[in-house]
C-alpha atoms as a PDB file:
ATOM      1  CA  MET A   1       0.014  -0.008   0.005  1.00  0.00           C
ATOM      2  CA  LYS A   2       1.366   3.431  -0.954  1.00  0.00           C
ATOM      3  CA  MET A   3       1.087   6.214   1.562  1.00  0.00           C
ATOM      4  CA  GLY A   4       2.312   9.773   1.802  1.00  0.00           C
ATOM      5  CA  ILE A   5       3.685  12.037   4.411  1.00  0.00           C
ATOM      6  CA  ILE A   6       2.826  15.752   4.746  1.00  0.00           C
ATOM      7  CA  GLN A   7       5.347  17.480   6.996  1.00  0.00           C
ATOM      8  CA  SER A   8       5.955  21.071   7.854  1.00  0.00           C
ATOM      9  CA  LEU A   9       9.606  21.683   8.587  1.00  0.00           C
ATOM     10  CA  ASN A  10       9.183  25.057  10.303  1.00  0.00           C
ATOM     11  CA  THR A  11      10.784  25.321  13.669  1.00  0.00           C
ATOM     12  CA  ASP A  12       7.993  27.507  15.233  1.00  0.00           C
ATOM     13  CA  LYS A  13       4.506  26.464  16.285  1.00  0.00           C
ATOM     14  CA  ILE A  14       2.307  25.498  13.338  1.00  0.00           C
ATOM     15  CA  ALA A  15      -0.939  23.487  13.394  1.00  0.00           C
ATOM     16  CA  LEU A  16      -2.112  21.039  10.663  1.00  0.00           C
ATOM     17  CA  ASN A  17      -5.893  21.091  10.486  1.00  0.00           C
ATOM     18  CA  GLU A  18      -8.353  19.120   8.375  1.00  0.00           C
ATOM     19  CA  GLU A  19     -11.039  20.993   6.390  1.00  0.00           C
ATOM     20  CA  THR A  20     -13.811  19.927   4.041  1.00  0.00           C
ATOM     21  CA  GLY A  21     -12.769  20.104   0.417  1.00  0.00           C
ATOM     22  CA  LYS A  22     -14.202  19.313  -3.008  1.00  0.00           C
ATOM     23  CA  VAL A  23     -12.759  17.597  -6.053  1.00  0.00           C
ATOM     24  CA  SER A  24     -14.215  17.269  -9.528  1.00  0.00           C
ATOM     25  CA  TYR A  25     -13.199  14.566 -12.040  1.00  0.00           C
ATOM     26  CA  ALA A  26     -16.040  15.410 -14.451  1.00  0.00           C
ATOM     27  CA  TYR A  27     -17.734  18.708 -15.364  1.00  0.00           C
ATOM     28  CA  ALA A  28     -20.230  19.846 -12.723  1.00  0.00           C
ATOM     29  CA  LYS A  29     -19.811  16.712 -10.553  1.00  0.00           C
ATOM     30  CA  GLU A  30     -18.217  17.627  -7.198  1.00  0.00           C
ATOM     31  CA  LEU A  31     -17.261  15.119  -4.609  1.00  0.00           C
ATOM     32  CA  SER A  32     -16.331  15.743  -0.998  1.00  0.00           C
ATOM     33  CA  ARG A  33     -12.730  15.066  -0.009  1.00  0.00           C
ATOM     34  CA  PRO A  34     -10.532  15.918   2.929  1.00  0.00           C
ATOM     35  CA  ALA A  35      -8.294  18.923   2.693  1.00  0.00           C
ATOM     36  CA  PHE A  36      -5.532  19.958   5.020  1.00  0.00           C
ATOM     37  CA  VAL A  37      -4.150  23.420   5.937  1.00  0.00           C
ATOM     38  CA  PHE A  38      -1.158  24.538   7.929  1.00  0.00           C
ATOM     39  CA  GLU A  39      -2.008  27.435  10.190  1.00  0.00           C
ATOM     40  CA  LYS A  40       0.130  29.782  12.282  1.00  0.00           C
ATOM     41  CA  VAL A  41      -0.725  32.668  14.540  1.00  0.00           C
ATOM     42  CA  LYS A  42       0.774  35.852  13.068  1.00  0.00           C
ATOM     43  CA  ASN A  43       1.407  38.559  15.684  1.00  0.00           C
ATOM     44  CA  ASP A  44       3.127  41.173  13.522  1.00  0.00           C
ATOM     45  CA  ALA A  45       3.541  42.405   9.903  1.00  0.00           C
ATOM     46  CA  LYS A  46       6.698  40.399   9.358  1.00  0.00           C
ATOM     47  CA  THR A  47       6.768  38.053   6.343  1.00  0.00           C
ATOM     48  CA  GLU A  48       6.319  34.380   7.202  1.00  0.00           C
ATOM     49  CA  GLN A  49       7.519  31.358   5.269  1.00  0.00           C
ATOM     50  CA  PHE A  50       6.163  27.809   5.238  1.00  0.00           C
ATOM     51  CA  ILE A  51       8.479  24.927   4.247  1.00  0.00           C
ATOM     52  CA  SER A  52       6.512  21.817   3.511  1.00  0.00           C
ATOM     53  CA  ILE A  53       7.276  18.462   1.912  1.00  0.00           C
ATOM     54  CA  LEU A  54       4.816  16.026   0.383  1.00  0.00           C
ATOM     55  CA  TYR A  55       6.579  12.652   0.093  1.00  0.00           C
ATOM     56  CA  PRO A  56       5.104   9.291  -0.981  1.00  0.00           C
ATOM     57  CA  PHE A  57       6.353   6.061   0.568  1.00  0.00           C
ATOM     58  CA  ALA A  58       5.398   2.378   0.651  1.00  0.00           C
ATOM     59  CA  ASP A  59       6.097   0.935   4.124  1.00  0.00           C
ATOM     60  CA  LYS A  60       7.987   3.027   6.665  1.00  0.00           C
ATOM     61  CA  ALA A  61       7.713   6.818   6.891  1.00  0.00           C
ATOM     62  CA  PRO A  62      11.038   8.361   5.906  1.00  0.00           C
ATOM     63  CA  ASP A  63      13.154  10.542   8.212  1.00  0.00           C
ATOM     64  CA  ILE A  64      13.094  13.994   6.647  1.00  0.00           C
ATOM     65  CA  LYS A  65      15.171  17.017   7.697  1.00  0.00           C
ATOM     66  CA  ILE A  66      15.838  20.423   6.209  1.00  0.00           C
ATOM     67  CA  GLN A  67      19.001  22.411   6.618  1.00  0.00           C
ATOM     68  CA  PRO A  68      19.154  26.033   5.391  1.00  0.00           C
ATOM     69  CA  ASN A  69      22.481  26.984   3.822  1.00  0.00           C
ATOM     70  CA  LYS A  70      24.341  30.192   4.796  1.00  0.00           C
ATOM     71  CA  ASP A  71      23.201  31.945   1.637  1.00  0.00           C
ATOM     72  CA  ASN A  72      19.496  31.123   2.165  1.00  0.00           C
ATOM     73  CA  ASP A  73      17.571  34.409   2.482  1.00  0.00           C
ATOM     74  CA  PHE A  74      13.763  34.233   2.096  1.00  0.00           C
ATOM     75  CA  ASP A  75      13.337  38.050   2.266  1.00  0.00           C
ATOM     76  CA  LYS A  76      15.611  38.473  -0.788  1.00  0.00           C
ATOM     77  CA  GLY A  77      14.039  35.540  -2.636  1.00  0.00           C
ATOM     78  CA  ILE A  78      17.107  33.379  -2.369  1.00  0.00           C
ATOM     79  CA  ILE A  79      16.308  29.730  -1.628  1.00  0.00           C
ATOM     80  CA  SER A  80      19.307  27.601  -0.678  1.00  0.00           C
ATOM     81  CA  LEU A  81      18.344  24.497   1.296  1.00  0.00           C
ATOM     82  CA  ASN A  82      19.593  20.932   1.848  1.00  0.00           C
ATOM     83  CA  ILE A  83      16.860  18.296   2.237  1.00  0.00           C
ATOM     84  CA  VAL A  84      17.957  15.048   3.809  1.00  0.00           C
ATOM     85  CA  ILE A  85      15.647  12.071   3.297  1.00  0.00           C
ATOM     86  CA  ASP A  86      16.750   8.853   5.089  1.00  0.00           C
ATOM     87  CA  GLY A  87      20.343  10.133   5.021  1.00  0.00           C
ATOM     88  CA  LYS A  88      20.360  11.061   1.320  1.00  0.00           C
ATOM     89  CA  LYS A  89      21.085  14.762   0.844  1.00  0.00           C
ATOM     90  CA  SER A  90      19.684  16.880  -2.016  1.00  0.00           C
ATOM     91  CA  GLU A  91      20.500  20.565  -2.517  1.00  0.00           C
ATOM     92  CA  ILE A  92      17.774  22.982  -3.644  1.00  0.00           C
ATOM     93  CA  LYS A  93      18.889  26.398  -4.924  1.00  0.00           C
ATOM     94  CA  THR A  94      16.813  29.016  -6.781  1.00  0.00           C
ATOM     95  CA  ARG A  95      16.040  32.732  -6.941  1.00  0.00           C
ATOM     96  CA  LEU A  96      12.399  33.855  -6.796  1.00  0.00           C
ATOM     97  CA  ASN A  97      12.946  37.330  -8.218  1.00  0.00           C
END
């Protein structure tokens, strides 16, 4: 059986809540489905970031960690992260602007 993991990798307090959702596989035919949302209390006007991973797996949930690199700067649109999944490291680098 295939399963998936949804994990927020933020270090501060975030809640994962289930909501009612809809999906349509044919025109004008909606079906109910579960939907999930990460929520965080925001106390100021500072920009917030959410780092989330959706990862499929077959038997055992993987160990997933994220490590920001020194040049990672969300405010400047510079994404530089290492994602480690069961000990295998992948580097993600991009500029958003």
